[in-house]
Amino acid sequence: MYWVTLIVFIIDQFTKWIIRLSIKTGDGITIIPYLFNIIHSRNRGAAFGIFQNYSQYLTVITFIAVFLILYLFITTPKNDKLLRISYGMILGGALGNLYDRIINGYVTDFLDFHIGQYSWPTFNIADSSISIAIVLIIYDAIQKERAHTNLIIKKELQSENLPK
């Protein structure tokens, strides 16, 4: 997990650094017209721009989340690789945005997707990593539930076939 955390953190910080150096706040570059832009924005809220101007509270919540994810990682069996990688992705994203919030007082966002006038809130690599990890955790839970259900069905079928 730690290597995943480090990779996410480094990519997140590197991309934010490039954006801060090369694009003025509020300016952007069209990558795919009517679909995708790179726009330099300062987010004083949480992921995808929610809870604006609650930076101090979000910092405390992020610290708590970091310790929770570390606890979950420590208590997750080593052979549960998908779950451990997912926790690493969440931790890397959380630390990337936490670092921004502590050092800059805001989080640098720059990925801007839209279709015509309908726009998704601007986000960054850390937000993406956290979101993807949540999808992976849900997928993992569904797979484990299916495997557990199949095991129960198999045991019931075997017990029905035993001679009486």
N, C-alpha and C. Protein backbone atom coordinates (compact mmCIF):
# COMPACT_ATOMS: atom_id res chain seq x y z
N MET A 1 0.82 -1.20 0.00
CA MET A 1 0.00 0.00 0.00
C MET A 1 0.86 1.25 0.00
N TYR A 2 1.97 1.21 0.70
CA TYR A 2 2.76 2.43 0.84
C TYR A 2 3.30 2.92 -0.50
N TRP A 3 3.67 1.99 -1.38
CA TRP A 3 4.15 2.40 -2.70
C TRP A 3 3.03 3.03 -3.50
N VAL A 4 1.81 2.52 -3.37
CA VAL A 4 0.67 3.12 -4.06
C VAL A 4 0.43 4.52 -3.53
N THR A 5 0.46 4.66 -2.22
CA THR A 5 0.29 5.97 -1.58
C THR A 5 1.32 6.96 -2.10
N LEU A 6 2.57 6.54 -2.14
CA LEU A 6 3.65 7.41 -2.59
C LEU A 6 3.49 7.79 -4.06
N ILE A 7 3.15 6.83 -4.90
CA ILE A 7 2.96 7.13 -6.34
C ILE A 7 1.83 8.12 -6.55
N VAL A 8 0.69 7.89 -5.89
CA VAL A 8 -0.45 8.82 -6.03
C VAL A 8 -0.06 10.21 -5.54
N PHE A 9 0.59 10.28 -4.39
CA PHE A 9 0.99 11.57 -3.82
C PHE A 9 1.94 12.31 -4.77
N ILE A 10 2.93 11.61 -5.29
CA ILE A 10 3.92 12.26 -6.17
C ILE A 10 3.26 12.73 -7.47
N ILE A 11 2.46 11.89 -8.10
CA ILE A 11 1.80 12.30 -9.34
C ILE A 11 0.86 13.48 -9.09
N ASP A 12 0.12 13.41 -7.99
CA ASP A 12 -0.80 14.51 -7.64
C ASP A 12 -0.03 15.82 -7.45
N GLN A 13 1.01 15.79 -6.65
CA GLN A 13 1.76 17.01 -6.37
C GLN A 13 2.49 17.53 -7.61
N PHE A 14 3.03 16.61 -8.40
CA PHE A 14 3.74 17.02 -9.62
C PHE A 14 2.78 17.71 -10.58
N THR A 15 1.60 17.13 -10.81
CA THR A 15 0.65 17.75 -11.74
C THR A 15 0.16 19.09 -11.23
N LYS A 16 -0.06 19.21 -9.94
CA LYS A 16 -0.49 20.49 -9.36
C LYS A 16 0.62 21.54 -9.50
N TRP A 17 1.85 21.12 -9.30
CA TRP A 17 3.00 22.03 -9.43
C TRP A 17 3.09 22.55 -10.86
N ILE A 18 2.95 21.64 -11.83
CA ILE A 18 2.98 22.04 -13.25
C ILE A 18 1.88 23.07 -13.53
N ILE A 19 0.69 22.81 -13.04
CA ILE A 19 -0.45 23.72 -13.27
C ILE A 19 -0.16 25.08 -12.64
N ARG A 20 0.30 25.09 -11.39
CA ARG A 20 0.57 26.37 -10.70
C ARG A 20 1.65 27.17 -11.41
N LEU A 21 2.64 26.47 -12.00
CA LEU A 21 3.72 27.16 -12.71
C LEU A 21 3.32 27.66 -14.09
N SER A 22 2.45 26.94 -14.76
CA SER A 22 2.23 27.22 -16.18
C SER A 22 0.90 27.91 -16.52
N ILE A 23 -0.07 27.89 -15.60
CA ILE A 23 -1.37 28.49 -15.91
C ILE A 23 -1.78 29.40 -14.76
N LYS A 24 -2.13 30.64 -15.08
CA LYS A 24 -2.58 31.57 -14.05
C LYS A 24 -3.93 31.09 -13.49
N THR A 25 -4.15 31.36 -12.21
CA THR A 25 -5.41 30.99 -11.58
C THR A 25 -6.58 31.58 -12.37
N GLY A 26 -7.54 30.72 -12.67
CA GLY A 26 -8.71 31.14 -13.45
C GLY A 26 -8.57 30.95 -14.94
N ASP A 27 -7.35 30.81 -15.41
CA ASP A 27 -7.12 30.58 -16.85
C ASP A 27 -7.14 29.08 -17.14
N GLY A 28 -7.25 28.76 -18.42
CA GLY A 28 -7.28 27.36 -18.79
C GLY A 28 -6.89 27.11 -20.22
N ILE A 29 -6.82 25.85 -20.56
CA ILE A 29 -6.47 25.39 -21.90
C ILE A 29 -7.53 24.38 -22.33
N THR A 30 -8.08 24.57 -23.51
CA THR A 30 -9.02 23.60 -24.04
C THR A 30 -8.24 22.42 -24.61
N ILE A 31 -8.57 21.23 -24.14
CA ILE A 31 -7.91 20.02 -24.62
C ILE A 31 -8.80 19.34 -25.66
N ILE A 32 -10.05 19.12 -25.32
CA ILE A 32 -11.04 18.56 -26.25
C ILE A 32 -12.24 19.51 -26.21
N PRO A 33 -12.47 20.26 -27.29
CA PRO A 33 -13.56 21.24 -27.28
C PRO A 33 -14.90 20.61 -26.85
N TYR A 34 -15.61 21.35 -26.02
CA TYR A 34 -16.94 20.97 -25.51
C TYR A 34 -16.92 19.74 -24.61
N LEU A 35 -15.72 19.32 -24.17
CA LEU A 35 -15.65 18.14 -23.31
C LEU A 35 -14.64 18.27 -22.17
N PHE A 36 -13.40 18.69 -22.48
CA PHE A 36 -12.35 18.65 -21.46
C PHE A 36 -11.40 19.84 -21.56
N ASN A 37 -11.22 20.49 -20.41
CA ASN A 37 -10.27 21.61 -20.29
C ASN A 37 -9.35 21.37 -19.11
N ILE A 38 -8.20 22.01 -19.16
CA ILE A 38 -7.33 22.13 -18.00
C ILE A 38 -7.51 23.57 -17.52
N ILE A 39 -8.05 23.71 -16.31
CA ILE A 39 -8.31 25.05 -15.76
C ILE A 39 -7.70 25.12 -14.36
N HIS A 40 -6.89 26.13 -14.13
CA HIS A 40 -6.27 26.30 -12.82
C HIS A 40 -7.26 26.96 -11.87
N SER A 41 -7.68 26.20 -10.86
CA SER A 41 -8.59 26.77 -9.87
C SER A 41 -8.10 26.46 -8.46
N ARG A 42 -8.48 27.32 -7.56
CA ARG A 42 -8.13 27.14 -6.14
C ARG A 42 -9.39 26.73 -5.39
N ASN A 43 -9.33 25.55 -4.82
CA ASN A 43 -10.48 24.99 -4.11
C ASN A 43 -10.23 25.09 -2.62
N ARG A 44 -11.04 25.89 -1.95
CA ARG A 44 -10.93 26.03 -0.49
C ARG A 44 -11.93 25.11 0.21
N GLY A 45 -12.51 24.18 -0.56
CA GLY A 45 -13.48 23.23 -0.01
C GLY A 45 -12.94 21.82 -0.08
N ALA A 46 -13.88 20.87 -0.24
CA ALA A 46 -13.53 19.45 -0.31
C ALA A 46 -13.52 19.00 -1.77
N ALA A 47 -13.50 17.70 -1.96
CA ALA A 47 -13.48 17.13 -3.30
C ALA A 47 -14.59 17.70 -4.16
N PHE A 48 -14.25 18.00 -5.39
CA PHE A 48 -15.18 18.52 -6.38
C PHE A 48 -15.81 19.85 -5.97
N GLY A 49 -15.14 20.59 -5.08
CA GLY A 49 -15.57 21.94 -4.76
C GLY A 49 -16.66 22.06 -3.70
N ILE A 50 -17.05 20.95 -3.07
CA ILE A 50 -18.10 21.08 -2.05
C ILE A 50 -17.50 21.62 -0.75
N PHE A 51 -18.34 22.17 0.10
CA PHE A 51 -17.96 22.73 1.41
C PHE A 51 -16.90 23.82 1.29
N GLN A 52 -17.12 24.77 0.42
CA GLN A 52 -16.18 25.88 0.23
C GLN A 52 -15.98 26.65 1.54
N ASN A 53 -14.76 27.10 1.76
CA ASN A 53 -14.37 27.93 2.91
C ASN A 53 -14.48 27.22 4.26
N TYR A 54 -14.39 25.90 4.27
CA TYR A 54 -14.36 25.13 5.51
C TYR A 54 -13.01 24.43 5.64
N SER A 55 -11.96 25.08 5.21
CA SER A 55 -10.64 24.47 5.11
C SER A 55 -10.14 23.93 6.45
N GLN A 56 -10.35 24.68 7.54
CA GLN A 56 -9.87 24.21 8.84
C GLN A 56 -10.56 22.93 9.27
N TYR A 57 -11.86 22.86 9.08
CA TYR A 57 -12.61 21.65 9.43
C TYR A 57 -12.19 20.48 8.54
N LEU A 58 -12.01 20.78 7.27
CA LEU A 58 -11.62 19.73 6.33
C LEU A 58 -10.23 19.18 6.66
N THR A 59 -9.35 20.04 7.16
CA THR A 59 -8.01 19.59 7.57
C THR A 59 -8.13 18.59 8.71
N VAL A 60 -8.95 18.90 9.71
CA VAL A 60 -9.14 18.00 10.85
C VAL A 60 -9.79 16.69 10.39
N ILE A 61 -10.82 16.79 9.56
CA ILE A 61 -11.49 15.60 9.05
C ILE A 61 -10.52 14.73 8.26
N THR A 62 -9.66 15.36 7.46
CA THR A 62 -8.69 14.60 6.66
C THR A 62 -7.69 13.88 7.56
N PHE A 63 -7.23 14.54 8.63
CA PHE A 63 -6.33 13.87 9.57
C PHE A 63 -6.99 12.62 10.15
N ILE A 64 -8.26 12.75 10.54
CA ILE A 64 -9.00 11.61 11.09
C ILE A 64 -9.12 10.51 10.03
N ALA A 65 -9.43 10.90 8.80
CA ALA A 65 -9.57 9.93 7.71
C ALA A 65 -8.25 9.20 7.45
N VAL A 66 -7.14 9.91 7.50
CA VAL A 66 -5.83 9.30 7.29
C VAL A 66 -5.59 8.22 8.33
N PHE A 67 -5.88 8.50 9.59
CA PHE A 67 -5.67 7.51 10.64
C PHE A 67 -6.64 6.33 10.49
N LEU A 68 -7.86 6.59 10.08
CA LEU A 68 -8.82 5.53 9.83
C LEU A 68 -8.35 4.61 8.71
N ILE A 69 -7.87 5.20 7.62
CA ILE A 69 -7.38 4.40 6.49
C ILE A 69 -6.15 3.59 6.91
N LEU A 70 -5.26 4.20 7.68
CA LEU A 70 -4.10 3.45 8.18
C LEU A 70 -4.54 2.26 9.04
N TYR A 71 -5.52 2.48 9.90
CA TYR A 71 -6.05 1.40 10.73
C TYR A 71 -6.64 0.28 9.85
N LEU A 72 -7.45 0.67 8.87
CA LEU A 72 -8.05 -0.32 7.97
C LEU A 72 -6.97 -1.10 7.23
N PHE A 73 -5.94 -0.40 6.80
CA PHE A 73 -4.85 -1.07 6.09
C PHE A 73 -4.16 -2.08 7.00
N ILE A 74 -3.85 -1.67 8.21
CA ILE A 74 -3.13 -2.54 9.15
C ILE A 74 -3.95 -3.78 9.48
N THR A 75 -5.27 -3.63 9.57
CA THR A 75 -6.12 -4.76 9.95
C THR A 75 -6.60 -5.59 8.76
N THR A 76 -6.25 -5.19 7.54
CA THR A 76 -6.64 -5.94 6.35
C THR A 76 -5.57 -6.99 6.05
N PRO A 77 -5.99 -8.24 5.83
CA PRO A 77 -5.01 -9.31 5.54
C PRO A 77 -4.12 -8.94 4.33
N LYS A 78 -2.88 -9.34 4.40
CA LYS A 78 -1.92 -9.02 3.34
C LYS A 78 -2.31 -9.60 1.98
N ASN A 79 -3.05 -10.70 1.97
CA ASN A 79 -3.44 -11.30 0.69
C ASN A 79 -4.64 -10.59 0.05
N ASP A 80 -5.22 -9.63 0.75
CA ASP A 80 -6.36 -8.88 0.21
C ASP A 80 -5.82 -7.66 -0.55
N LYS A 81 -5.17 -7.94 -1.67
CA LYS A 81 -4.40 -6.92 -2.39
C LYS A 81 -5.25 -5.78 -2.94
N LEU A 82 -6.42 -6.08 -3.52
CA LEU A 82 -7.24 -5.02 -4.10
C LEU A 82 -7.68 -4.02 -3.03
N LEU A 83 -8.07 -4.53 -1.88
CA LEU A 83 -8.49 -3.65 -0.79
C LEU A 83 -7.31 -2.82 -0.28
N ARG A 84 -6.16 -3.43 -0.15
CA ARG A 84 -4.98 -2.71 0.33
C ARG A 84 -4.53 -1.65 -0.68
N ILE A 85 -4.58 -1.97 -1.98
CA ILE A 85 -4.24 -0.99 -3.01
C ILE A 85 -5.23 0.17 -2.98
N SER A 86 -6.52 -0.16 -2.80
CA SER A 86 -7.54 0.88 -2.72
C SER A 86 -7.29 1.81 -1.54
N TYR A 87 -6.95 1.24 -0.40
CA TYR A 87 -6.64 2.08 0.76
C TYR A 87 -5.42 2.96 0.48
N GLY A 88 -4.43 2.42 -0.22
CA GLY A 88 -3.26 3.21 -0.60
C GLY A 88 -3.64 4.38 -1.50
N MET A 89 -4.56 4.14 -2.43
CA MET A 89 -5.01 5.21 -3.33
C MET A 89 -5.75 6.31 -2.55
N ILE A 90 -6.60 5.89 -1.61
CA ILE A 90 -7.31 6.88 -0.79
C ILE A 90 -6.33 7.67 0.05
N LEU A 91 -5.39 6.98 0.67
CA LEU A 91 -4.40 7.65 1.52
C LEU A 91 -3.55 8.62 0.71
N GLY A 92 -3.09 8.20 -0.46
CA GLY A 92 -2.29 9.10 -1.31
C GLY A 92 -3.06 10.34 -1.72
N GLY A 93 -4.33 10.15 -2.09
CA GLY A 93 -5.16 11.30 -2.46
C GLY A 93 -5.44 12.21 -1.28
N ALA A 94 -5.76 11.61 -0.14
CA ALA A 94 -6.04 12.41 1.05
C ALA A 94 -4.80 13.22 1.47
N LEU A 95 -3.65 12.57 1.44
CA LEU A 95 -2.41 13.27 1.82
C LEU A 95 -2.04 14.36 0.80
N GLY A 96 -2.30 14.11 -0.48
CA GLY A 96 -2.03 15.12 -1.51
C GLY A 96 -2.84 16.38 -1.29
N ASN A 97 -4.13 16.22 -1.04
CA ASN A 97 -4.97 17.39 -0.81
C ASN A 97 -4.70 18.02 0.55
N LEU A 98 -4.39 17.20 1.56
CA LEU A 98 -4.06 17.73 2.88
C LEU A 98 -2.79 18.58 2.81
N TYR A 99 -1.80 18.10 2.10
CA TYR A 99 -0.56 18.85 1.92
C TYR A 99 -0.84 20.23 1.31
N ASP A 100 -1.64 20.23 0.25
CA ASP A 100 -2.03 21.51 -0.39
C ASP A 100 -2.70 22.44 0.60
N ARG A 101 -3.66 21.88 1.34
CA ARG A 101 -4.45 22.70 2.25
C ARG A 101 -3.57 23.31 3.35
N ILE A 102 -2.62 22.52 3.85
CA ILE A 102 -1.73 23.02 4.90
C ILE A 102 -0.72 24.02 4.35
N ILE A 103 -0.09 23.72 3.22
CA ILE A 103 0.96 24.58 2.65
C ILE A 103 0.39 25.82 1.97
N ASN A 104 -0.68 25.66 1.19
CA ASN A 104 -1.20 26.77 0.38
C ASN A 104 -2.46 27.41 0.93
N GLY A 105 -3.18 26.70 1.80
CA GLY A 105 -4.46 27.21 2.28
C GLY A 105 -5.61 26.87 1.32
N TYR A 106 -5.31 26.15 0.28
CA TYR A 106 -6.31 25.73 -0.72
C TYR A 106 -5.75 24.52 -1.46
N VAL A 107 -6.62 23.86 -2.21
CA VAL A 107 -6.23 22.72 -3.03
C VAL A 107 -6.28 23.15 -4.49
N THR A 108 -5.24 22.82 -5.23
CA THR A 108 -5.21 23.13 -6.66
C THR A 108 -6.00 22.08 -7.42
N ASP A 109 -7.04 22.54 -8.13
CA ASP A 109 -7.83 21.68 -9.01
C ASP A 109 -7.59 22.13 -10.44
N PHE A 110 -7.73 21.20 -11.40
CA PHE A 110 -7.45 21.60 -12.78
C PHE A 110 -8.15 20.75 -13.84
N LEU A 111 -8.69 19.61 -13.51
CA LEU A 111 -9.36 18.77 -14.49
C LEU A 111 -10.82 19.20 -14.61
N ASP A 112 -11.22 19.64 -15.79
CA ASP A 112 -12.54 20.22 -16.00
C ASP A 112 -13.26 19.51 -17.14
N PHE A 113 -14.25 18.69 -16.80
CA PHE A 113 -15.04 17.98 -17.81
C PHE A 113 -16.41 18.61 -17.91
N HIS A 114 -16.90 18.69 -19.13
CA HIS A 114 -18.23 19.25 -19.36
C HIS A 114 -18.77 18.75 -20.69
N ILE A 115 -20.07 18.74 -20.79
CA ILE A 115 -20.73 18.44 -22.06
C ILE A 115 -21.65 19.62 -22.33
N GLY A 116 -21.26 20.43 -23.30
CA GLY A 116 -22.01 21.65 -23.57
C GLY A 116 -22.01 22.54 -22.35
N GLN A 117 -23.19 22.89 -21.87
CA GLN A 117 -23.29 23.78 -20.70
C GLN A 117 -23.28 23.02 -19.38
N TYR A 118 -23.35 21.70 -19.43
CA TYR A 118 -23.36 20.88 -18.22
C TYR A 118 -21.92 20.56 -17.83
N SER A 119 -21.56 20.96 -16.62
CA SER A 119 -20.17 20.85 -16.20
C SER A 119 -20.04 20.06 -14.90
N TRP A 120 -19.02 19.21 -14.84
CA TRP A 120 -18.66 18.52 -13.61
C TRP A 120 -17.72 19.43 -12.83
N PRO A 121 -17.80 19.48 -11.49
CA PRO A 121 -16.88 20.33 -10.74
C PRO A 121 -15.41 20.00 -11.05
N THR A 122 -14.59 21.01 -11.12
CA THR A 122 -13.16 20.83 -11.39
C THR A 122 -12.53 20.01 -10.26
N PHE A 123 -11.62 19.12 -10.62
CA PHE A 123 -11.00 18.24 -9.64
C PHE A 123 -9.55 18.00 -9.99
N ASN A 124 -8.88 17.11 -9.25
CA ASN A 124 -7.45 16.85 -9.46
C ASN A 124 -7.17 15.35 -9.37
N ILE A 125 -5.91 14.99 -9.44
CA ILE A 125 -5.50 13.58 -9.40
C ILE A 125 -5.85 12.94 -8.06
N ALA A 126 -5.68 13.68 -6.97
CA ALA A 126 -6.01 13.14 -5.65
C ALA A 126 -7.49 12.78 -5.57
N ASP A 127 -8.36 13.68 -6.03
CA ASP A 127 -9.80 13.41 -6.03
C ASP A 127 -10.11 12.18 -6.88
N SER A 128 -9.46 12.10 -8.04
CA SER A 128 -9.67 10.95 -8.94
C SER A 128 -9.26 9.65 -8.27
N SER A 129 -8.12 9.67 -7.63
CA SER A 129 -7.60 8.47 -6.97
C SER A 129 -8.56 8.00 -5.87
N ILE A 130 -9.05 8.93 -5.09
CA ILE A 130 -10.00 8.59 -4.02
C ILE A 130 -11.28 8.01 -4.62
N SER A 131 -11.80 8.64 -5.66
CA SER A 131 -13.04 8.18 -6.29
C SER A 131 -12.88 6.79 -6.90
N ILE A 132 -11.78 6.57 -7.60
CA ILE A 132 -11.52 5.26 -8.21
C ILE A 132 -11.38 4.19 -7.11
N ALA A 133 -10.70 4.54 -6.03
CA ALA A 133 -10.52 3.59 -4.92
C ALA A 133 -11.86 3.22 -4.30
N ILE A 134 -12.75 4.15 -4.17
CA ILE A 134 -14.07 3.85 -3.60
C ILE A 134 -14.82 2.87 -4.51
N VAL A 135 -14.74 3.09 -5.82
CA VAL A 135 -15.37 2.16 -6.77
C VAL A 135 -14.73 0.76 -6.62
N LEU A 136 -13.42 0.70 -6.47
CA LEU A 136 -12.74 -0.59 -6.30
C LEU A 136 -13.16 -1.28 -5.01
N ILE A 137 -13.35 -0.52 -3.94
CA ILE A 137 -13.78 -1.10 -2.66
C ILE A 137 -15.20 -1.66 -2.79
N ILE A 138 -16.07 -0.94 -3.47
CA ILE A 138 -17.43 -1.44 -3.69
C ILE A 138 -17.39 -2.71 -4.53
N TYR A 139 -16.59 -2.70 -5.59
CA TYR A 139 -16.43 -3.89 -6.45
C TYR A 139 -15.93 -5.07 -5.62
N ASP A 140 -14.92 -4.83 -4.79
CA ASP A 140 -14.35 -5.87 -3.95
C ASP A 140 -15.41 -6.44 -3.00
N ALA A 141 -16.20 -5.58 -2.40
CA ALA A 141 -17.25 -6.03 -1.48
C ALA A 141 -18.29 -6.89 -2.21
N ILE A 142 -18.67 -6.47 -3.42
CA ILE A 142 -19.64 -7.25 -4.20
C ILE A 142 -19.06 -8.61 -4.55
N GLN A 143 -17.80 -8.65 -4.98
CA GLN A 143 -17.16 -9.92 -5.33
C GLN A 143 -17.08 -10.85 -4.12
N LYS A 144 -16.75 -10.31 -2.97
CA LYS A 144 -16.65 -11.13 -1.76
C LYS A 144 -18.02 -11.65 -1.35
N GLU A 145 -19.04 -10.81 -1.48
CA GLU A 145 -20.40 -11.25 -1.15
C GLU A 145 -20.85 -12.36 -2.09
N ARG A 146 -20.55 -12.21 -3.38
CA ARG A 146 -20.90 -13.26 -4.35
C ARG A 146 -20.18 -14.57 -4.02
N ALA A 147 -18.90 -14.48 -3.71
CA ALA A 147 -18.13 -15.68 -3.37
C ALA A 147 -18.70 -16.34 -2.13
N HIS A 148 -19.07 -15.54 -1.14
CA HIS A 148 -19.65 -16.07 0.10
C HIS A 148 -20.99 -16.75 -0.19
N THR A 149 -21.82 -16.11 -0.98
CA THR A 149 -23.13 -16.67 -1.35
C THR A 149 -22.95 -17.98 -2.11
N ASN A 150 -22.02 -18.00 -3.06
CA ASN A 150 -21.76 -19.23 -3.83
C ASN A 150 -21.27 -20.36 -2.93
N LEU A 151 -20.47 -20.03 -1.93
CA LEU A 151 -19.98 -21.03 -0.99
C LEU A 151 -21.13 -21.61 -0.18
N ILE A 152 -22.04 -20.78 0.27
CA ILE A 152 -23.21 -21.24 1.04
C ILE A 152 -24.07 -22.15 0.17
N ILE A 153 -24.32 -21.74 -1.06
CA ILE A 153 -25.13 -22.55 -1.97
C ILE A 153 -24.45 -23.91 -2.22
N LYS A 154 -23.16 -23.88 -2.43
CA LYS A 154 -22.41 -25.12 -2.68
C LYS A 154 -22.52 -26.06 -1.47
N LYS A 155 -22.38 -25.53 -0.27
CA LYS A 155 -22.48 -26.35 0.95
C LYS A 155 -23.88 -26.92 1.10
N GLU A 156 -24.90 -26.12 0.81
CA GLU A 156 -26.27 -26.60 0.90
C GLU A 156 -26.52 -27.71 -0.10
N LEU A 157 -26.03 -27.56 -1.33
CA LEU A 157 -26.20 -28.60 -2.34
C LEU A 157 -25.48 -29.88 -1.94
N GLN A 158 -24.29 -29.74 -1.36
CA GLN A 158 -23.54 -30.92 -0.93
C GLN A 158 -24.25 -31.64 0.21
N SER A 159 -24.82 -30.88 1.13
CA SER A 159 -25.52 -31.50 2.25
C SER A 159 -26.81 -32.19 1.81
N GLU A 160 -27.44 -31.70 0.76
CA GLU A 160 -28.65 -32.33 0.22
C GLU A 160 -28.31 -33.64 -0.48
N ASN A 161 -27.13 -33.76 -1.01
CA ASN A 161 -26.72 -34.95 -1.75
C ASN A 161 -26.13 -36.05 -0.87
N LEU A 162 -25.97 -35.78 0.43
CA LEU A 162 -25.42 -36.80 1.33
C LEU A 162 -26.45 -37.90 1.55
N PRO A 163 -26.00 -39.14 1.65
CA PRO A 163 -26.95 -40.23 1.93
C PRO A 163 -27.53 -40.08 3.33
N LYS A 164 -28.79 -40.43 3.44
CA LYS A 164 -29.46 -40.28 4.75
C LYS A 164 -29.71 -41.60 5.41
